[in-house]
Protein backbone atom coordinates (compact mmCIF):
# COMPACT_ATOMS: atom_id res chain seq x y z
CA MET A 1 13.09 36.40 -9.05
CA ALA A 2 12.97 32.98 -10.05
CA GLU A 3 11.70 30.22 -7.52
CA GLU A 4 14.57 28.14 -6.47
CA LEU A 5 14.57 24.76 -7.81
CA LYS A 6 14.59 21.69 -5.41
CA ILE A 7 15.74 18.64 -6.51
CA PRO A 8 15.70 15.34 -4.32
CA SER A 9 19.05 13.58 -3.48
CA SER A 10 20.87 11.71 -5.69
CA GLY A 11 20.05 8.44 -3.51
CA GLY A 12 16.35 7.90 -5.33
CA GLY A 13 14.95 6.94 -2.33
CA LEU A 14 17.03 3.83 -2.18
CA MET A 15 18.18 2.82 1.28
CA ARG A 16 20.91 0.39 2.23
CA TYR A 17 20.28 -1.98 5.24
CA SER A 18 23.29 -3.55 6.26
CA GLU A 19 24.94 -5.09 3.29
CA GLU A 20 27.75 -6.39 5.13
CA TYR A 21 24.94 -8.85 6.97
CA ASP A 22 25.97 -12.81 6.65
CA SER A 23 23.35 -15.23 7.38
CA LYS A 24 24.21 -18.64 8.95
CA ILE A 25 22.06 -20.50 7.05
CA ARG A 26 22.55 -20.85 3.14
CA ILE A 27 20.06 -22.44 0.94
CA LYS A 28 20.63 -22.57 -2.64
CA PRO A 29 17.46 -21.48 -5.14
CA GLU A 30 17.58 -24.88 -6.71
CA VAL A 31 16.96 -26.52 -3.35
CA ILE A 32 14.13 -24.28 -2.56
CA ILE A 33 12.48 -24.90 -6.10
CA GLY A 34 13.38 -28.66 -5.79
CA ILE A 35 11.46 -28.35 -2.20
CA THR A 36 8.56 -26.55 -3.58
CA ILE A 37 7.84 -29.02 -6.82
CA ALA A 38 7.98 -32.10 -4.29
CA ILE A 39 5.18 -30.66 -2.13
CA ILE A 40 3.27 -29.52 -5.02
CA ALA A 41 3.50 -33.07 -6.18
CA PHE A 42 3.20 -34.83 -2.65
CA GLU A 43 -0.15 -32.92 -2.44
CA LEU A 44 -1.28 -33.95 -5.94
CA LEU A 45 -0.41 -37.71 -5.11
CA LEU A 46 -2.75 -36.89 -1.73
CA ARG A 47 -5.71 -35.62 -4.05
CA VAL A 48 -5.39 -38.83 -6.38
CA PHE A 49 -4.67 -41.24 -4.19
CA GLY A 50 -6.15 -40.03 -0.89
CA GLY A 51 -9.48 -41.41 0.35
CA ALA A 52 -11.70 -38.51 0.54
CA VAL A 53 -14.23 -39.05 3.85
């Protein structure tokens, strides 16, 4: 007799976590990139002009 073929479910291991969740805080990706660049620039300025003790 042939062995029974066991195929995983069609979900492929993907799980859904509350797709209807709506955050109260919304920040655009452009803002996050701008803040990151500003922090990097600020640190570079501190390294160049800051007096090392």
